Amino acid sequence: MKNKFLTILLVLVFAFSPLSTALAKSENGKINWNKKHGTPEFISGQLTNASNESAEEVLYKYLDNSKDKFKFGKGNAKEAFKITSKKIDKLGYTNIKLQQVYKGIPVFGSTQAAHIDKNGVLTSISGAVIPNLDKHDKLKLDKKINKNEAIKKAQEDLTFEPEYEVKPEADLVVYYHENEARYAYLVNLNFLYPEPGNWNYFIDAVTGELINKYNNLKYGKPTKKPTSGEDTVGTGTGVLGDTKEINTLLSNSIYYLVDRTRGDGIETYNANNRTRLPGSLWADSDNVLNDSNDRAAVDAHHYAGLTYDYYLNRFSRNSFDNKGSLIKATVHYSRSYNNAFWNGQQIVFGDGDGVTFTELSGSLDVIAHEITHAVTEHTADLIYYNESGALNEAMSDIFGTAVEFAFNNNPDWLIGEDIYTPADPNDAMRSMADPTKYGDPDHYDDRYVGTADNGGVHWNSGIINKAAYLISEGGRHYGVTVSGIGIDKMTEIFYRALTQHFTASSTFSQARAALVQSAVELYGANSAEVQAVNDAFDSVGVN
């Protein structure tokens, strides 16, 4: 039964071990300690006094004064952490994102997020630090191979000759693996033929050894296109037989599935049952797309627009990267392909085999799920393994469901029910209201702890999904009663945590602390919203 959860997003392989945490109070805040590293993974409270100094100086001074906690080794905080972004949100908080570095080289997976309020008070810092890097012997060795040699080592591991979508790249990082830090090249090999892959390889920069690898393709040749024309509105029939309006572009008497009304646009392509992306830009002669072959394209185009509208109207987010970037969708990918995915550049949908799936673009929550993977990639960038990977999956389920409710598109708390097992209308891939209905855990004590499904990214997402459902709808679970606050407040809290407090390696415990902090910032420390988050996570056993 569990194998079906692998059909939307490809199982990836990456060797992080689950991180456990403990909650403690310090003299200047509440601390979640990461037991693996012995450093804080979340601290909240009035961590500093009010200050007229810049937010950066407030943060750096706090880190320097807390060096015994964060254990970032010799030197000061400015040498150990690089600021990657700084933004002021609608509540007046300055959100600073950090990347841990060692001698100027980024430490893979070690990112942090901090909040300073309008009075210059540091109120939270999230993300465990890899401690005492200066004590790791392998970081004292000289690098002996270059980027090109590292790329060659990675390519030698493949059992086929791919056709690359993106030129292979290699970046030097500090890689912490199996309790050991070393210099490594992070090599990315991105291709679609002979099978989709977005592989990350870690090659030892001293020995050339392959340390680790994982496929970063999240399942969920450019075509010449018109550069001018008239924006029009056509109609089409979707996968389930419903009629809907679609934004098109009229150029030289041909209507293209190009929507120029949203950001840099939405474009829908036809792979023609091949595996080249994006395929050919979808074209029609009369702006009425009601042939059977049109249906997957109609839904992909329409639902991508709704997802764009949801993020813009709900969170003022302009496309997945908040920069208005073009959203590309391709349908009719391969033959009888039981999958959909975000490959780091676009969303792709198979037609299904008619038994396990029908056309996967026919489900609004599936399209919103895939686009949310892109949102996550451009915000917290949750590593797709173990608990951070399960959080990644849960974010896509939560916001996929939220988009259904926002547009009253037969909303429910099921995932993929519109296109999964078309012969059984009562089936679905997952249930947020009752994860156990489809074999997923709804309590931390029952979590999957093996290596399959990338450490249970789909299965264990049920724990977070259940908490989100309870925060929204309320209920009694494992003896704990939760008073629901509604889906709008629930998603407001999750979105703030995802975009401002989650970090690349966030655990479930860190996520709880981040969600509580988000609720405090939005609604107040003694609010019903904070109580709902705490009660929900108590009920699913996440401390």
Protein backbone atom coordinates (compact mmCIF):
# COMPACT_ATOMS: atom_id res chain seq x y z
CA MET A 1 0.00 0.00 0.00
CA LYS A 2 2.83 2.38 0.83
CA ASN A 3 4.41 2.07 -2.61
CA LYS A 4 1.70 4.27 -4.08
CA PHE A 5 3.05 7.24 -2.18
CA LEU A 6 6.20 7.11 -4.28
CA THR A 7 4.32 7.74 -7.51
CA ILE A 8 4.03 11.53 -7.22
CA LEU A 9 7.54 12.27 -6.00
CA LEU A 10 10.60 10.15 -6.75
CA VAL A 11 12.35 8.54 -3.79
CA LEU A 12 15.70 10.19 -3.30
CA VAL A 13 18.74 8.87 -1.42
CA PHE A 14 20.63 11.06 0.99
CA ALA A 15 22.35 10.02 4.19
CA PHE A 16 21.32 12.34 7.00
CA SER A 17 20.31 10.72 10.28
CA PRO A 18 17.16 11.84 12.15
CA LEU A 19 17.82 14.61 14.61
CA SER A 20 16.23 14.57 18.04
CA THR A 21 15.80 17.61 20.22
CA ALA A 22 15.17 18.57 23.80
CA LEU A 23 13.37 21.62 25.11
CA ALA A 24 14.93 23.71 27.84
CA LYS A 25 14.73 27.23 29.19
CA SER A 26 17.70 29.55 29.47
CA GLU A 27 18.04 32.86 31.18
CA ASN A 28 17.30 34.70 27.94
CA GLY A 29 14.85 32.51 26.07
CA LYS A 30 13.47 29.10 25.31
CA ILE A 31 15.91 26.75 23.58
CA ASN A 32 15.42 23.64 21.48
CA TRP A 33 18.75 21.80 21.64
CA ASN A 34 19.85 19.60 18.77
CA LYS A 35 21.17 16.47 20.46
CA LYS A 36 23.20 15.36 17.46
CA HIS A 37 25.26 18.53 17.33
CA GLY A 38 24.76 19.93 20.83
CA THR A 39 23.85 23.35 19.44
CA PRO A 40 20.51 25.20 19.50
CA GLU A 41 18.14 24.54 16.62
CA PHE A 42 15.60 27.14 17.82
CA ILE A 43 15.79 29.91 20.41
CA SER A 44 12.96 32.35 21.08
CA GLY A 45 12.24 35.11 23.57
CA GLN A 46 13.63 38.58 24.26
CA LEU A 47 17.16 37.53 23.41
CA THR A 48 18.69 41.03 23.41
CA ASN A 49 17.87 44.47 24.73
CA ALA A 50 16.34 47.12 22.48
CA SER A 51 18.94 48.70 20.22
CA ASN A 52 19.40 51.40 17.61
CA GLU A 53 22.12 49.39 15.90
CA SER A 54 21.52 47.67 12.60
CA ALA A 55 19.78 44.32 12.66
CA GLU A 56 22.97 42.69 11.39
CA GLU A 57 25.03 44.08 14.28
CA VAL A 58 22.41 43.01 16.83
CA LEU A 59 22.52 39.46 15.47
CA TYR A 60 26.29 39.20 15.15
CA LYS A 61 26.86 40.53 18.68
CA TYR A 62 24.39 38.02 20.07
CA LEU A 63 26.14 35.16 18.27
CA ASP A 64 29.53 36.32 19.52
CA ASN A 65 28.21 36.58 23.08
CA SER A 66 26.65 33.10 22.76
CA LYS A 67 29.66 31.37 21.25
CA ASP A 68 29.60 28.72 23.97
CA LYS A 69 26.16 27.66 22.75
CA PHE A 70 26.69 27.82 19.00
CA LYS A 71 30.25 26.42 19.05
CA PHE A 72 31.25 27.90 15.70
CA GLY A 73 34.95 27.62 16.51
CA LYS A 74 37.72 30.17 16.20
CA GLY A 75 37.06 33.65 14.93
CA ASN A 76 33.98 35.80 15.28
CA ALA A 77 30.42 35.45 14.02
CA LYS A 78 31.02 37.56 10.92
CA GLU A 79 33.63 35.02 9.85
CA ALA A 80 31.41 32.03 10.65
CA PHE A 81 28.13 33.17 9.07
CA LYS A 82 27.36 34.84 5.76
CA ILE A 83 24.16 36.85 5.42
CA THR A 84 22.26 35.58 2.37
CA SER A 85 19.16 37.77 2.64
CA LYS A 86 17.60 40.53 4.72
CA LYS A 87 13.94 41.54 4.50
CA ILE A 88 11.48 43.52 6.60
CA ASP A 89 8.05 41.87 6.78
CA LYS A 90 4.59 43.37 7.16
CA LEU A 91 4.78 43.06 10.96
CA GLY A 92 7.95 45.12 11.12
CA TYR A 93 10.33 42.22 11.83
CA THR A 94 13.67 42.11 10.06
CA ASN A 95 14.19 38.56 8.80
CA ILE A 96 17.86 37.67 8.24
CA LYS A 97 18.92 34.40 6.58
CA LEU A 98 22.41 33.06 7.25
CA GLN A 99 24.70 30.45 5.75
CA GLN A 100 27.32 28.90 8.02
CA VAL A 101 30.76 29.05 6.43
CA TYR A 102 34.20 27.73 7.34
CA LYS A 103 37.12 29.76 6.02
CA GLY A 104 34.68 31.31 3.59
CA ILE A 105 33.36 27.99 2.26
CA PRO A 106 29.66 27.20 2.78
CA VAL A 107 28.74 24.36 5.13
CA PHE A 108 26.19 22.25 3.25
CA GLY A 109 22.75 22.14 4.91
CA SER A 110 23.68 24.49 7.76
CA THR A 111 21.44 27.53 7.34
CA GLN A 112 19.96 29.82 9.98
CA ALA A 113 17.15 32.36 10.21
CA ALA A 114 16.85 35.22 12.71
CA HIS A 115 14.19 37.80 13.58
CA ILE A 116 14.78 41.27 15.01
CA ASP A 117 11.71 43.33 15.91
CA LYS A 118 11.13 47.02 15.18
CA ASN A 119 12.73 47.94 18.54
CA GLY A 120 15.97 46.20 17.63
CA VAL A 121 15.30 43.17 19.85
CA LEU A 122 16.40 39.77 18.61
CA THR A 123 13.34 37.55 19.18
CA SER A 124 14.31 34.25 17.56
CA ILE A 125 17.06 32.37 15.80
CA SER A 126 16.53 29.06 14.02
CA GLY A 127 18.82 26.41 12.54
CA ALA A 128 21.41 24.15 14.16
CA VAL A 129 25.08 25.01 13.65
CA ILE A 130 27.64 22.30 12.82
CA PRO A 131 29.98 22.73 15.83
CA ASN A 132 33.74 22.94 16.21
CA LEU A 133 34.70 22.63 12.57
CA ASP A 134 38.21 23.78 13.41
CA LYS A 135 38.72 20.49 15.26
CA HIS A 136 38.01 18.23 12.27
CA ASP A 137 41.26 16.78 10.94
CA LYS A 138 40.04 16.36 7.36
CA LEU A 139 39.50 20.10 7.09
CA LYS A 140 43.23 20.54 7.65
CA LEU A 141 44.11 18.66 4.44
CA ASP A 142 44.90 20.37 1.16
CA LYS A 143 42.45 20.02 -1.72
CA LYS A 144 43.98 17.95 -4.51
CA ILE A 145 41.32 17.70 -7.22
CA ASN A 146 39.61 20.49 -9.15
CA LYS A 147 36.02 21.06 -10.24
CA ASN A 148 36.39 19.36 -13.61
CA GLU A 149 37.91 16.27 -12.02
CA ALA A 150 35.04 16.15 -9.52
CA ILE A 151 32.46 16.37 -12.32
CA LYS A 152 34.21 13.53 -14.15
CA LYS A 153 34.13 11.38 -10.98
CA ALA A 154 30.38 11.95 -10.66
CA GLN A 155 29.75 11.21 -14.33
CA GLU A 156 31.69 7.96 -14.03
CA ASP A 157 29.18 6.81 -11.43
CA LEU A 158 26.28 7.02 -13.90
CA THR A 159 25.51 3.82 -15.80
CA PHE A 160 24.43 5.70 -18.93
CA GLU A 161 25.30 8.75 -21.00
CA PRO A 162 22.67 11.42 -20.32
CA GLU A 163 21.62 14.39 -22.38
CA TYR A 164 22.06 17.28 -19.96
CA GLU A 165 19.40 19.94 -19.50
CA VAL A 166 21.87 22.08 -17.56
CA LYS A 167 25.64 22.09 -17.92
CA PRO A 168 27.21 20.04 -15.06
CA GLU A 169 28.46 22.24 -12.25
CA ALA A 170 30.62 21.75 -9.15
CA ASP A 171 30.81 23.93 -6.03
CA LEU A 172 33.21 23.53 -3.13
CA VAL A 173 31.46 22.96 0.21
CA VAL A 174 32.18 21.71 3.70
CA TYR A 175 30.22 18.48 3.92
CA TYR A 176 29.33 16.93 7.29
CA HIS A 177 28.62 13.22 6.92
CA GLU A 178 28.74 10.37 9.42
CA ASN A 179 30.10 12.62 12.17
CA GLU A 180 32.95 13.86 10.00
CA ALA A 181 33.45 17.17 8.17
CA ARG A 182 35.53 17.39 5.00
CA TYR A 183 35.96 19.49 1.89
CA ALA A 184 33.85 18.21 -0.96
CA TYR A 185 32.62 19.25 -4.36
CA LEU A 186 28.86 19.35 -4.72
CA VAL A 187 28.35 18.24 -8.33
CA ASN A 188 24.95 18.68 -9.98
CA LEU A 189 23.99 16.51 -12.97
CA ASN A 190 20.60 17.57 -14.38
CA PHE A 191 19.08 15.57 -17.24
CA LEU A 192 15.82 14.09 -18.54
CA TYR A 193 17.06 11.43 -20.95
CA PRO A 194 17.18 8.46 -20.74
CA GLU A 195 15.33 9.05 -17.46
CA PRO A 196 14.68 12.16 -15.36
CA GLY A 197 17.44 13.03 -12.92
CA ASN A 198 18.70 16.00 -10.92
CA TRP A 199 21.53 14.30 -9.08
CA ASN A 200 23.66 15.90 -6.40
CA TYR A 201 27.03 14.18 -5.89
CA PHE A 202 29.46 14.86 -3.04
CA ILE A 203 33.04 14.18 -4.15
CA ASP A 204 35.88 14.36 -1.61
CA ALA A 205 38.06 17.30 -2.66
CA VAL A 206 41.20 15.60 -1.32
CA THR A 207 40.85 11.95 -2.37
CA GLY A 208 38.26 12.13 -5.18
CA GLU A 209 36.15 9.58 -3.28
CA LEU A 210 32.38 9.51 -3.85
CA ILE A 211 31.05 10.34 -0.38
CA ASN A 212 27.33 10.48 -1.09
CA LYS A 213 24.74 11.14 -3.78
CA TYR A 214 21.01 11.75 -4.01
CA ASN A 215 18.47 12.60 -6.67
CA ASN A 216 17.00 16.04 -6.00
CA LEU A 217 14.18 15.60 -8.52
CA LYS A 218 10.97 16.27 -6.63
CA TYR A 219 8.06 14.28 -8.01
CA GLY A 220 5.26 15.55 -7.20
CA LYS A 221 14.60 21.86 -25.82
CA PRO A 222 13.12 25.32 -25.65
CA THR A 223 10.44 25.87 -28.30
CA LYS A 224 10.19 28.94 -30.47
CA LYS A 225 7.25 30.95 -29.19
CA PRO A 226 5.49 34.12 -30.24
CA THR A 227 6.96 37.32 -28.84
CA SER A 228 3.94 39.48 -29.59
CA GLY A 229 0.21 39.12 -29.94
CA GLU A 230 -3.14 39.80 -28.35
CA ASP A 231 -4.07 38.52 -24.89
CA THR A 232 -7.36 36.61 -25.18
CA VAL A 233 -9.57 34.33 -23.10
CA GLY A 234 -10.58 30.93 -24.45
CA THR A 235 -12.51 28.00 -23.04
CA GLY A 236 -11.58 24.40 -22.55
CA THR A 237 -12.71 21.09 -21.14
CA GLY A 238 -10.68 19.63 -18.30
CA VAL A 239 -9.70 16.08 -17.40
CA LEU A 240 -12.89 15.55 -15.36
CA GLY A 241 -15.12 16.97 -18.09
CA ASP A 242 -15.68 20.42 -16.60
CA THR A 243 -15.51 23.61 -18.70
CA LYS A 244 -13.27 26.49 -17.65
CA GLU A 245 -11.81 29.71 -18.98
CA ILE A 246 -8.15 29.88 -19.94
CA ASN A 247 -5.88 32.82 -20.74
CA THR A 248 -4.34 32.52 -24.21
CA LEU A 249 -2.23 34.54 -26.64
CA LEU A 250 -3.42 35.17 -30.21
CA SER A 251 -0.52 35.47 -32.65
CA ASN A 252 -0.70 35.06 -36.45
CA SER A 253 -4.18 33.50 -36.20
CA ILE A 254 -3.02 30.84 -33.72
CA TYR A 255 -4.04 30.71 -30.04
CA TYR A 256 -1.24 29.65 -27.70
CA LEU A 257 -1.50 28.56 -24.06
CA VAL A 258 0.42 31.61 -22.92
CA ASP A 259 -0.94 33.66 -20.01
CA ARG A 260 0.75 37.07 -19.83
CA THR A 261 -1.54 38.41 -17.09
CA ARG A 262 0.34 36.79 -14.20
CA GLY A 263 3.92 37.80 -13.41
CA ASP A 264 6.28 36.86 -16.23
CA GLY A 265 3.64 34.48 -17.45
CA ILE A 266 2.37 30.90 -17.47
CA GLU A 267 3.11 28.70 -20.46
CA THR A 268 1.82 25.20 -21.13
CA TYR A 269 3.63 22.75 -23.43
CA ASN A 270 2.97 19.40 -25.07
CA ALA A 271 5.64 16.69 -24.70
CA ASN A 272 3.75 14.53 -27.23
CA ASN A 273 4.43 11.45 -25.09
CA ARG A 274 8.16 12.00 -25.37
CA THR A 275 10.68 12.89 -22.67
CA ARG A 276 12.11 16.15 -24.00
CA LEU A 277 11.22 19.30 -22.08
CA PRO A 278 9.50 21.58 -22.29
CA GLY A 279 8.13 20.21 -25.60
CA SER A 280 6.11 22.27 -28.06
CA LEU A 281 4.11 25.28 -26.94
CA TRP A 282 0.43 24.29 -26.96
CA ALA A 283 -1.37 25.81 -29.95
CA ASP A 284 -5.01 25.82 -31.04
CA SER A 285 -6.85 27.18 -34.06
CA ASP A 286 -10.13 28.45 -32.54
CA ASN A 287 -9.52 29.14 -28.80
CA VAL A 288 -11.94 26.35 -27.85
CA LEU A 289 -9.94 23.43 -26.44
CA ASN A 290 -12.42 20.60 -26.04
CA ASP A 291 -10.72 17.65 -27.76
CA SER A 292 -9.77 14.72 -25.53
CA ASN A 293 -6.07 15.43 -26.08
CA ASP A 294 -6.58 19.05 -24.91
CA ARG A 295 -7.90 18.18 -21.47
CA ALA A 296 -4.60 17.72 -19.63
CA ALA A 297 -3.30 21.01 -21.04
CA VAL A 298 -6.47 22.91 -20.14
CA ASP A 299 -6.23 21.85 -16.50
CA ALA A 300 -2.48 22.39 -16.23
CA HIS A 301 -2.82 25.93 -17.60
CA HIS A 302 -5.91 26.85 -15.58
CA TYR A 303 -4.78 25.32 -12.28
CA ALA A 304 -1.28 26.82 -12.50
CA GLY A 305 -3.02 30.20 -12.82
CA LEU A 306 -5.16 29.52 -9.75
CA THR A 307 -2.10 28.52 -7.74
CA TYR A 308 -0.29 31.69 -8.81
CA ASP A 309 -3.38 33.72 -7.77
CA TYR A 310 -3.56 31.99 -4.40
CA TYR A 311 0.01 32.86 -3.44
CA LEU A 312 -0.32 36.40 -4.76
CA ASN A 313 -3.69 37.18 -3.15
CA ARG A 314 -3.06 35.35 0.11
CA PHE A 315 0.59 36.17 0.78
CA SER A 316 1.51 38.84 -1.81
CA ARG A 317 3.93 36.29 -3.27
CA ASN A 318 4.64 36.90 -6.96
CA SER A 319 5.18 33.42 -8.44
CA PHE A 320 7.15 30.64 -6.77
CA ASP A 321 10.29 32.76 -6.28
CA ASN A 322 8.47 35.99 -5.36
CA LYS A 323 10.15 37.58 -8.40
CA GLY A 324 7.33 36.91 -10.85
CA SER A 325 9.22 34.14 -12.65
CA LEU A 326 7.66 32.32 -15.57
CA ILE A 327 5.79 29.14 -14.66
CA LYS A 328 6.21 26.40 -17.26
CA ALA A 329 3.99 23.32 -17.35
CA THR A 330 4.36 20.32 -19.64
CA VAL A 331 1.69 17.65 -20.14
CA HIS A 332 1.63 14.30 -21.99
CA TYR A 333 5.11 13.53 -20.68
CA SER A 334 6.31 10.06 -21.73
CA ARG A 335 3.81 7.19 -22.13
CA SER A 336 1.49 5.90 -19.39
CA TYR A 337 3.64 7.90 -16.97
CA ASN A 338 2.26 7.63 -13.43
CA ASN A 339 3.94 10.72 -12.10
CA ALA A 340 4.23 14.48 -11.83
CA PHE A 341 7.28 16.42 -10.72
CA TRP A 342 9.07 19.73 -10.26
CA ASN A 343 12.57 19.39 -11.74
CA GLY A 344 13.96 22.67 -10.46
CA GLN A 345 12.87 24.51 -13.58
CA GLN A 346 9.28 23.57 -14.37
CA ILE A 347 6.34 21.31 -13.52
CA VAL A 348 5.72 18.14 -15.54
CA PHE A 349 2.72 15.82 -15.73
CA GLY A 350 2.27 12.33 -17.10
CA ASP A 351 -0.97 10.90 -18.46
CA GLY A 352 -1.10 7.97 -16.06
CA ASP A 353 -1.76 4.41 -17.12
CA GLY A 354 -5.52 4.71 -16.64
CA VAL A 355 -5.43 2.31 -13.68
CA THR A 356 -3.23 3.90 -11.02
CA PHE A 357 -3.70 7.42 -12.38
CA THR A 358 -5.51 9.33 -15.04
CA GLU A 359 -3.93 12.56 -16.37
CA LEU A 360 -2.20 13.98 -13.31
CA SER A 361 -2.76 17.62 -14.26
CA GLY A 362 -6.47 17.06 -13.67
CA SER A 363 -6.10 17.65 -9.92
CA LEU A 364 -5.75 21.18 -8.54
CA ASP A 365 -4.13 19.97 -5.33
CA VAL A 366 -1.48 18.04 -7.31
CA ILE A 367 -0.54 21.10 -9.37
CA ALA A 368 -0.48 23.33 -6.27
CA HIS A 369 1.55 20.60 -4.51
CA GLU A 370 4.23 20.68 -7.22
CA ILE A 371 4.38 24.47 -7.42
CA THR A 372 4.69 24.57 -3.61
CA HIS A 373 7.82 22.42 -3.92
CA ALA A 374 9.19 25.31 -5.96
CA VAL A 375 8.12 27.78 -3.24
CA THR A 376 9.88 25.65 -0.63
CA GLU A 377 13.00 25.43 -2.79
CA HIS A 378 13.15 29.22 -2.96
CA THR A 379 12.53 29.77 0.78
CA ALA A 380 13.59 27.25 3.45
CA ASP A 381 14.98 24.82 0.82
CA LEU A 382 14.20 21.88 3.11
CA ILE A 383 16.59 18.99 2.41
CA TYR A 384 14.59 16.14 0.91
CA TYR A 385 15.40 13.44 3.44
CA ASN A 386 14.18 12.30 6.89
CA GLU A 387 12.27 14.90 8.91
CA SER A 388 13.18 17.94 6.80
CA GLY A 389 12.04 15.99 3.73
CA ALA A 390 8.76 15.04 5.40
CA LEU A 391 8.25 18.73 6.23
CA ASN A 392 8.91 19.50 2.56
CA GLU A 393 6.19 17.04 1.54
CA ALA A 394 3.77 18.29 4.19
CA MET A 395 4.14 21.90 3.02
CA SER A 396 3.09 20.81 -0.47
CA ASP A 397 0.11 18.84 0.86
CA ILE A 398 -0.99 21.68 3.15
CA PHE A 399 -0.91 24.36 0.49
CA GLY A 400 -2.21 22.05 -2.23
CA THR A 401 -5.27 21.52 -0.03
CA ALA A 402 -5.47 25.22 0.84
CA VAL A 403 -5.67 26.16 -2.84
CA GLU A 404 -8.61 23.76 -3.27
CA PHE A 405 -10.43 25.44 -0.41
CA ALA A 406 -9.56 28.95 -1.59
CA PHE A 407 -11.25 28.37 -4.95
CA ASN A 408 -13.96 26.00 -3.64
CA ASN A 409 -12.71 23.34 -6.06
CA ASN A 410 -14.47 20.36 -4.45
CA PRO A 411 -12.28 20.96 -1.39
CA ASP A 412 -11.46 18.22 1.09
CA TRP A 413 -8.52 17.03 3.17
CA LEU A 414 -7.53 14.30 0.71
CA ILE A 415 -4.54 14.42 -1.64
CA GLY A 416 -4.81 13.49 -5.33
CA GLU A 417 -8.31 12.03 -5.03
CA ASP A 418 -9.39 13.47 -8.40
CA ILE A 419 -6.83 11.59 -10.48
CA TYR A 420 -5.83 8.57 -8.34
CA THR A 421 -7.27 5.13 -9.18
CA PRO A 422 -9.99 6.49 -11.52
CA ALA A 423 -12.04 3.30 -11.18
CA ASP A 424 -12.39 3.89 -7.42
CA PRO A 425 -13.93 7.33 -6.68
CA ASN A 426 -13.53 6.81 -2.92
CA ASP A 427 -9.76 6.41 -2.97
CA ALA A 428 -6.95 8.94 -2.53
CA MET A 429 -3.19 9.02 -2.10
CA ARG A 430 -3.17 10.52 1.38
CA SER A 431 -5.56 11.91 3.96
CA MET A 432 -4.64 14.86 6.16
CA ALA A 433 -7.67 14.31 8.40
CA ASP A 434 -6.83 10.63 8.97
CA PRO A 435 -3.36 9.72 7.68
CA THR A 436 -3.74 6.14 8.95
CA LYS A 437 -6.53 5.54 6.42
CA TYR A 438 -3.87 5.15 3.74
CA GLY A 439 -1.09 3.70 5.87
CA ASP A 440 0.64 6.85 7.13
CA PRO A 441 1.45 7.59 10.80
CA ASP A 442 -0.51 10.24 12.71
CA HIS A 443 1.76 10.26 15.78
CA TYR A 444 5.49 10.69 16.23
CA ASP A 445 5.81 7.41 18.14
CA ASP A 446 4.62 5.59 15.02
CA ARG A 447 6.95 7.35 12.57
CA TYR A 448 8.87 5.37 9.99
CA VAL A 449 12.60 5.24 10.84
CA GLY A 450 14.01 3.22 7.93
CA THR A 451 15.76 4.36 4.76
CA ALA A 452 13.03 3.67 2.17
CA ASP A 453 11.06 6.60 0.76
CA ASN A 454 14.09 8.78 1.45
CA GLY A 455 13.69 8.20 5.17
CA GLY A 456 9.88 8.29 5.00
CA VAL A 457 9.36 11.72 3.44
CA HIS A 458 5.87 10.83 2.20
CA TRP A 459 4.82 8.56 5.05
CA ASN A 460 6.02 10.74 7.93
CA SER A 461 4.49 13.83 6.37
CA GLY A 462 1.25 12.42 7.77
CA ILE A 463 2.31 13.53 11.27
CA ILE A 464 2.65 17.18 10.21
CA ASN A 465 -0.44 16.93 7.99
CA LYS A 466 -2.50 15.71 10.94
CA ALA A 467 -1.24 18.59 13.12
CA ALA A 468 -2.13 21.09 10.38
CA TYR A 469 -5.60 19.59 10.01
CA LEU A 470 -6.21 19.83 13.76
CA ILE A 471 -4.97 23.41 13.93
CA SER A 472 -7.47 24.29 11.23
CA GLU A 473 -10.47 22.11 12.05
CA GLY A 474 -9.94 21.11 15.66
CA GLY A 475 -10.70 17.72 17.19
CA ARG A 476 -9.56 15.25 19.80
CA HIS A 477 -6.50 13.14 19.07
CA TYR A 478 -4.65 10.80 21.43
CA GLY A 479 -6.46 12.34 24.39
CA VAL A 480 -5.66 15.95 23.48
CA THR A 481 -8.43 18.35 22.46
CA VAL A 482 -7.53 20.99 19.88
CA SER A 483 -9.74 24.02 19.23
CA GLY A 484 -9.49 24.79 15.52
CA ILE A 485 -8.72 28.29 14.26
CA GLY A 486 -9.68 27.81 10.59
CA ILE A 487 -7.67 27.13 7.45
CA ASP A 488 -6.80 30.78 6.76
CA LYS A 489 -5.04 31.28 10.09
CA MET A 490 -3.47 27.83 9.92
CA THR A 491 -1.92 28.52 6.52
CA GLU A 492 -0.84 32.03 7.57
CA ILE A 493 1.14 30.45 10.41
CA PHE A 494 2.64 27.71 8.22
CA TYR A 495 3.57 30.14 5.45
CA ARG A 496 5.35 32.45 7.87
CA ALA A 497 7.25 29.52 9.40
CA LEU A 498 8.20 28.16 5.97
CA THR A 499 9.42 31.45 4.57
CA GLN A 500 10.97 33.00 7.70
CA HIS A 501 11.81 30.39 10.35
CA PHE A 502 12.37 26.96 8.79
CA THR A 503 15.95 26.17 7.76
CA ALA A 504 17.39 23.55 5.40
CA SER A 505 17.74 20.82 8.03
CA SER A 506 14.65 21.60 10.15
CA THR A 507 13.40 18.76 12.34
CA PHE A 508 9.81 18.25 13.50
CA SER A 509 10.68 19.69 16.92
CA GLN A 510 12.30 22.74 15.33
CA ALA A 511 9.22 23.08 13.10
CA ARG A 512 6.94 23.12 16.14
CA ALA A 513 9.02 25.87 17.74
CA ALA A 514 9.02 27.82 14.46
CA LEU A 515 5.24 27.49 14.08
CA VAL A 516 4.66 28.60 17.68
CA GLN A 517 6.95 31.58 17.13
CA SER A 518 5.09 32.44 13.93
CA ALA A 519 1.77 32.31 15.78
CA VAL A 520 3.18 34.53 18.53
CA GLU A 521 4.34 37.10 15.97
CA LEU A 522 1.03 37.05 14.12
CA TYR A 523 -1.51 36.78 16.94
CA GLY A 524 0.22 37.30 20.31
CA ALA A 525 1.86 35.07 22.91
CA ASN A 526 -1.35 34.32 24.81
CA SER A 527 -3.57 33.86 21.77
CA ALA A 528 -5.88 30.99 20.91
CA GLU A 529 -3.79 30.50 17.79
CA VAL A 530 -0.63 29.75 19.80
CA GLN A 531 -2.63 27.39 22.00
CA ALA A 532 -3.96 25.56 18.93
CA VAL A 533 -0.45 25.00 17.55
CA ASN A 534 0.85 23.72 20.89
CA ASP A 535 -2.15 21.44 21.43
CA ALA A 536 -1.98 20.01 17.92
CA PHE A 537 1.69 19.15 18.22
CA ASP A 538 1.12 17.70 21.69
CA SER A 539 -1.55 15.47 20.16
CA VAL A 540 0.81 14.09 17.50
CA GLY A 541 3.64 13.59 19.99
CA VAL A 542 6.09 16.23 18.70
CA ASN A 543 7.72 18.11 21.58
